[in-house]
Amino acid sequence: MTISFYDFSVPVFTRGLGQLAHVLDKGLAHAQATGTDPAQLVNARLAPDMFTLAGQVQSASDASKFAVARIAGITGPSFPDTETTFAELQARVTKTIDFLKSVERSQIDGAEDREVVMKVRGNELKFTAQRYLLQFALPNFFFHVTTAYGVLRHSGAPIGKMDYLGGF
């Protein structure tokens, strides 16, 4: 069985974002059940030099939408990083999923050797699309999804591994 380049990208990002939305729902429910100000969780972080929960969600969104856009050779949508509530974070996740679903399989399949050029901290990084997806974009995306999970878990939200992984 052959798995297409599309199958390694769009569905993987979409599923990860779906699980991110799920843990956000559980985080908000936890805040409401314990009388915690939801803004406290949105602004929570694991360490002083790390992004807040909002920043992790924004970064997961950016990592997935820009990865798919770069691989497809199109311009991804720009979302301002202004979310301050769980509802706004959920809306961003939904907009990201909607964008991902708008990218056609034909824009991704066959693009494995397309050059992807990124500027990171003043340095230009060049990849093939396949190397970019597998060695940069997916690890970066899952770093931010995992860290968002970690922020909520550390803040007391009753979430576990299966909330992160989801059903099969």
C-alpha atoms as a PDB file:
ATOM      1  CA  MET A   1       0.000   0.000   0.000  1.00  0.00           C
ATOM      2  CA  THR A   2       1.287   3.423  -0.907  1.00  0.00           C
ATOM      3  CA  ILE A   3       0.628   6.445   1.279  1.00  0.00           C
ATOM      4  CA  SER A   4       0.573   9.753  -0.506  1.00  0.00           C
ATOM      5  CA  PHE A   5       2.410  12.905   0.504  1.00  0.00           C
ATOM      6  CA  TYR A   6      -0.993  14.493   1.114  1.00  0.00           C
ATOM      7  CA  ASP A   7      -1.823  11.717   3.595  1.00  0.00           C
ATOM      8  CA  PHE A   8       1.328  12.511   5.572  1.00  0.00           C
ATOM      9  CA  SER A   9       0.376  16.172   5.847  1.00  0.00           C
ATOM     10  CA  VAL A  10      -3.190  17.474   5.764  1.00  0.00           C
ATOM     11  CA  PRO A  11      -4.933  14.618   7.637  1.00  0.00           C
ATOM     12  CA  VAL A  12      -2.140  14.469  10.230  1.00  0.00           C
ATOM     13  CA  PHE A  13      -2.349  18.201  10.930  1.00  0.00           C
ATOM     14  CA  THR A  14      -6.157  18.120  10.897  1.00  0.00           C
ATOM     15  CA  ARG A  15      -6.296  15.271  13.406  1.00  0.00           C
ATOM     16  CA  GLY A  16      -3.739  16.951  15.672  1.00  0.00           C
ATOM     17  CA  LEU A  17      -5.724  20.181  15.613  1.00  0.00           C
ATOM     18  CA  GLY A  18      -8.883  18.237  16.418  1.00  0.00           C
ATOM     19  CA  GLN A  19      -7.218  16.780  19.501  1.00  0.00           C
ATOM     20  CA  LEU A  20      -5.945  20.230  20.425  1.00  0.00           C
ATOM     21  CA  ALA A  21      -9.538  21.489  20.263  1.00  0.00           C
ATOM     22  CA  HIS A  22     -10.578  18.578  22.487  1.00  0.00           C
ATOM     23  CA  VAL A  23      -8.017  19.358  25.203  1.00  0.00           C
ATOM     24  CA  LEU A  24      -8.977  23.046  25.018  1.00  0.00           C
ATOM     25  CA  ASP A  25     -12.602  22.040  25.666  1.00  0.00           C
ATOM     26  CA  LYS A  26     -11.521  20.021  28.674  1.00  0.00           C
ATOM     27  CA  GLY A  27      -9.334  22.886  29.901  1.00  0.00           C
ATOM     28  CA  LEU A  28     -12.256  25.309  29.770  1.00  0.00           C
ATOM     29  CA  ALA A  29     -14.554  22.798  31.493  1.00  0.00           C
ATOM     30  CA  HIS A  30     -11.940  22.401  34.231  1.00  0.00           C
ATOM     31  CA  ALA A  31     -11.721  26.176  34.719  1.00  0.00           C
ATOM     32  CA  GLN A  32     -15.508  26.437  34.938  1.00  0.00           C
ATOM     33  CA  ALA A  33     -15.816  23.482  37.331  1.00  0.00           C
ATOM     34  CA  THR A  34     -13.147  24.812  39.684  1.00  0.00           C
ATOM     35  CA  GLY A  35     -14.053  28.495  39.515  1.00  0.00           C
ATOM     36  CA  THR A  36     -10.723  29.317  37.886  1.00  0.00           C
ATOM     37  CA  ASP A  37     -10.670  32.363  35.643  1.00  0.00           C
ATOM     38  CA  PRO A  38     -10.301  30.890  32.123  1.00  0.00           C
ATOM     39  CA  ALA A  39      -7.976  33.797  31.249  1.00  0.00           C
ATOM     40  CA  GLN A  40      -5.562  32.429  33.835  1.00  0.00           C
ATOM     41  CA  LEU A  41      -5.289  29.206  31.832  1.00  0.00           C
ATOM     42  CA  VAL A  42      -5.082  31.003  28.470  1.00  0.00           C
ATOM     43  CA  ASN A  43      -2.105  32.934  29.870  1.00  0.00           C
ATOM     44  CA  ALA A  44      -0.492  29.971  31.650  1.00  0.00           C
ATOM     45  CA  ARG A  45       2.910  28.695  30.565  1.00  0.00           C
ATOM     46  CA  LEU A  46       5.275  25.936  31.623  1.00  0.00           C
ATOM     47  CA  ALA A  47       8.324  28.166  32.010  1.00  0.00           C
ATOM     48  CA  PRO A  48       8.911  31.923  31.953  1.00  0.00           C
ATOM     49  CA  ASP A  49      10.640  31.806  28.578  1.00  0.00           C
ATOM     50  CA  MET A  50       7.952  29.689  26.877  1.00  0.00           C
ATOM     51  CA  PHE A  51       4.803  30.785  25.082  1.00  0.00           C
ATOM     52  CA  THR A  52       1.518  30.880  26.947  1.00  0.00           C
ATOM     53  CA  LEU A  53      -1.260  28.424  26.140  1.00  0.00           C
ATOM     54  CA  ALA A  54      -2.534  30.981  23.628  1.00  0.00           C
ATOM     55  CA  GLY A  55       0.918  31.206  22.047  1.00  0.00           C
ATOM     56  CA  GLN A  56       1.150  27.420  21.789  1.00  0.00           C
ATOM     57  CA  VAL A  57      -2.221  27.218  20.029  1.00  0.00           C
ATOM     58  CA  GLN A  58      -1.270  30.078  17.704  1.00  0.00           C
ATOM     59  CA  SER A  59       2.044  28.387  16.924  1.00  0.00           C
ATOM     60  CA  ALA A  60       0.403  25.012  16.233  1.00  0.00           C
ATOM     61  CA  SER A  61      -2.010  26.790  13.898  1.00  0.00           C
ATOM     62  CA  ASP A  62       0.803  28.592  12.106  1.00  0.00           C
ATOM     63  CA  ALA A  63       2.989  25.498  11.869  1.00  0.00           C
ATOM     64  CA  SER A  64       0.258  23.472  10.197  1.00  0.00           C
ATOM     65  CA  LYS A  65      -1.223  26.058   7.847  1.00  0.00           C
ATOM     66  CA  PHE A  66       2.116  27.419   6.679  1.00  0.00           C
ATOM     67  CA  ALA A  67       3.545  23.922   6.241  1.00  0.00           C
ATOM     68  CA  VAL A  68       0.705  22.893   3.974  1.00  0.00           C
ATOM     69  CA  ALA A  69       0.834  26.205   2.120  1.00  0.00           C
ATOM     70  CA  ARG A  70       4.592  25.955   1.552  1.00  0.00           C
ATOM     71  CA  ILE A  71       4.334  22.378   0.348  1.00  0.00           C
ATOM     72  CA  ALA A  72       1.431  23.247  -1.967  1.00  0.00           C
ATOM     73  CA  GLY A  73       3.243  26.308  -3.300  1.00  0.00           C
ATOM     74  CA  ILE A  74       0.493  28.688  -2.199  1.00  0.00           C
ATOM     75  CA  THR A  75       0.184  31.532   0.275  1.00  0.00           C
ATOM     76  CA  GLY A  76      -1.323  30.532   3.592  1.00  0.00           C
ATOM     77  CA  PRO A  77      -3.759  32.741   5.441  1.00  0.00           C
ATOM     78  CA  SER A  78      -2.412  35.166   8.000  1.00  0.00           C
ATOM     79  CA  PHE A  79      -4.168  35.217  11.363  1.00  0.00           C
ATOM     80  CA  PRO A  80      -3.301  37.933  13.882  1.00  0.00           C
ATOM     81  CA  ASP A  81      -2.161  36.519  17.214  1.00  0.00           C
ATOM     82  CA  THR A  82      -4.856  38.286  19.229  1.00  0.00           C
ATOM     83  CA  GLU A  83      -6.714  35.405  20.870  1.00  0.00           C
ATOM     84  CA  THR A  84      -7.352  35.929  24.590  1.00  0.00           C
ATOM     85  CA  THR A  85     -10.204  33.492  25.296  1.00  0.00           C
ATOM     86  CA  PHE A  86     -10.888  29.804  24.854  1.00  0.00           C
ATOM     87  CA  ALA A  87     -13.613  30.676  22.318  1.00  0.00           C
ATOM     88  CA  GLU A  88     -11.138  32.682  20.256  1.00  0.00           C
ATOM     89  CA  LEU A  89      -8.555  29.884  20.434  1.00  0.00           C
ATOM     90  CA  GLN A  90     -11.170  27.378  19.298  1.00  0.00           C
ATOM     91  CA  ALA A  91     -12.174  29.692  16.441  1.00  0.00           C
ATOM     92  CA  ARG A  92      -8.550  29.858  15.331  1.00  0.00           C
ATOM     93  CA  VAL A  93      -8.252  26.077  15.368  1.00  0.00           C
ATOM     94  CA  THR A  94     -11.446  25.845  13.304  1.00  0.00           C
ATOM     95  CA  LYS A  95     -10.207  28.420  10.769  1.00  0.00           C
ATOM     96  CA  THR A  96      -6.947  26.514  10.464  1.00  0.00           C
ATOM     97  CA  ILE A  97      -8.726  23.212   9.859  1.00  0.00           C
ATOM     98  CA  ASP A  98     -10.973  24.902   7.293  1.00  0.00           C
ATOM     99  CA  PHE A  99      -7.916  26.169   5.428  1.00  0.00           C
ATOM    100  CA  LEU A 100      -6.225  22.771   5.521  1.00  0.00           C
ATOM    101  CA  LYS A 101      -9.341  21.118   4.125  1.00  0.00           C
ATOM    102  CA  SER A 102      -9.437  23.661   1.294  1.00  0.00           C
ATOM    103  CA  VAL A 103      -6.074  22.511  -0.056  1.00  0.00           C
ATOM    104  CA  GLU A 104      -6.531  19.947  -2.804  1.00  0.00           C
ATOM    105  CA  ARG A 105      -4.758  16.616  -2.767  1.00  0.00           C
ATOM    106  CA  SER A 106      -3.370  17.453  -6.233  1.00  0.00           C
ATOM    107  CA  GLN A 107      -1.588  20.515  -4.783  1.00  0.00           C
ATOM    108  CA  ILE A 108       0.369  18.301  -2.359  1.00  0.00           C
ATOM    109  CA  ASP A 109       0.890  14.946  -4.055  1.00  0.00           C
ATOM    110  CA  GLY A 110       3.937  15.063  -6.277  1.00  0.00           C
ATOM    111  CA  ALA A 111       5.401  18.093  -4.486  1.00  0.00           C
ATOM    112  CA  GLU A 112       7.878  16.065  -2.427  1.00  0.00           C
ATOM    113  CA  ASP A 113      10.865  17.573  -4.240  1.00  0.00           C
ATOM    114  CA  ARG A 114       9.542  21.164  -4.325  1.00  0.00           C
ATOM    115  CA  GLU A 115      12.006  23.562  -2.736  1.00  0.00           C
ATOM    116  CA  VAL A 116      10.852  25.107   0.519  1.00  0.00           C
ATOM    117  CA  VAL A 117      12.779  28.154   1.696  1.00  0.00           C
ATOM    118  CA  MET A 118      12.221  29.653   5.136  1.00  0.00           C
ATOM    119  CA  LYS A 119      13.785  32.512   6.993  1.00  0.00           C
ATOM    120  CA  VAL A 120      14.339  31.700  10.643  1.00  0.00           C
ATOM    121  CA  ARG A 121      16.072  34.185  12.934  1.00  0.00           C
ATOM    122  CA  GLY A 122      17.825  35.837  10.013  1.00  0.00           C
ATOM    123  CA  ASN A 123      18.957  32.549   8.476  1.00  0.00           C
ATOM    124  CA  GLU A 124      17.642  31.088   5.263  1.00  0.00           C
ATOM    125  CA  LEU A 125      16.813  27.397   5.490  1.00  0.00           C
ATOM    126  CA  LYS A 126      16.299  25.331   2.344  1.00  0.00           C
ATOM    127  CA  PHE A 127      14.573  21.981   2.246  1.00  0.00           C
ATOM    128  CA  THR A 128      12.842  19.679  -0.156  1.00  0.00           C
ATOM    129  CA  ALA A 129       9.158  19.663   0.740  1.00  0.00           C
ATOM    130  CA  GLN A 130       9.415  16.095   1.979  1.00  0.00           C
ATOM    131  CA  ARG A 131      12.374  16.842   4.252  1.00  0.00           C
ATOM    132  CA  TYR A 132      10.679  20.036   5.444  1.00  0.00           C
ATOM    133  CA  LEU A 133       7.479  18.191   6.360  1.00  0.00           C
ATOM    134  CA  LEU A 134       9.086  15.211   8.045  1.00  0.00           C
ATOM    135  CA  GLN A 135      12.042  16.867   9.777  1.00  0.00           C
ATOM    136  CA  PHE A 136      10.788  20.377  10.570  1.00  0.00           C
ATOM    137  CA  ALA A 137       7.072  21.045  10.142  1.00  0.00           C
ATOM    138  CA  LEU A 138       5.593  17.957  11.812  1.00  0.00           C
ATOM    139  CA  PRO A 139       7.992  17.993  14.790  1.00  0.00           C
ATOM    140  CA  ASN A 140       7.404  21.735  15.242  1.00  0.00           C
ATOM    141  CA  PHE A 141       3.622  21.292  15.066  1.00  0.00           C
ATOM    142  CA  PHE A 142       3.589  18.452  17.593  1.00  0.00           C
ATOM    143  CA  PHE A 143       5.927  20.348  19.911  1.00  0.00           C
ATOM    144  CA  HIS A 144       3.333  23.118  20.198  1.00  0.00           C
ATOM    145  CA  VAL A 145       0.340  20.754  20.463  1.00  0.00           C
ATOM    146  CA  THR A 146       2.133  18.753  23.154  1.00  0.00           C
ATOM    147  CA  THR A 147       3.174  21.872  25.022  1.00  0.00           C
ATOM    148  CA  ALA A 148      -0.426  23.182  24.973  1.00  0.00           C
ATOM    149  CA  TYR A 149      -1.477  19.832  26.437  1.00  0.00           C
ATOM    150  CA  GLY A 150       1.295  20.147  29.047  1.00  0.00           C
ATOM    151  CA  VAL A 151       0.202  23.655  30.050  1.00  0.00           C
ATOM    152  CA  LEU A 152      -3.361  22.468  30.637  1.00  0.00           C
ATOM    153  CA  ARG A 153      -2.283  19.306  32.425  1.00  0.00           C
ATOM    154  CA  HIS A 154       0.122  21.258  34.635  1.00  0.00           C
ATOM    155  CA  SER A 155      -2.727  23.674  35.406  1.00  0.00           C
ATOM    156  CA  GLY A 156      -4.811  20.807  36.761  1.00  0.00           C
ATOM    157  CA  ALA A 157      -7.053  20.007  33.801  1.00  0.00           C
ATOM    158  CA  PRO A 158      -8.128  16.357  34.018  1.00  0.00           C
ATOM    159  CA  ILE A 159      -6.628  15.279  30.707  1.00  0.00           C
ATOM    160  CA  GLY A 160      -4.587  12.216  29.905  1.00  0.00           C
ATOM    161  CA  LYS A 161      -2.740  10.553  27.096  1.00  0.00           C
ATOM    162  CA  MET A 162      -5.906   9.394  25.337  1.00  0.00           C
ATOM    163  CA  ASP A 163      -7.196  12.975  25.269  1.00  0.00           C
ATOM    164  CA  TYR A 164      -4.034  13.835  23.359  1.00  0.00           C
ATOM    165  CA  LEU A 165      -4.070  10.783  21.099  1.00  0.00           C
ATOM    166  CA  GLY A 166      -7.822  10.551  20.547  1.00  0.00           C
ATOM    167  CA  GLY A 167      -9.812   7.554  19.436  1.00  0.00           C
ATOM    168  CA  PHE A 168      -8.814   5.116  16.733  1.00  0.00           C
END
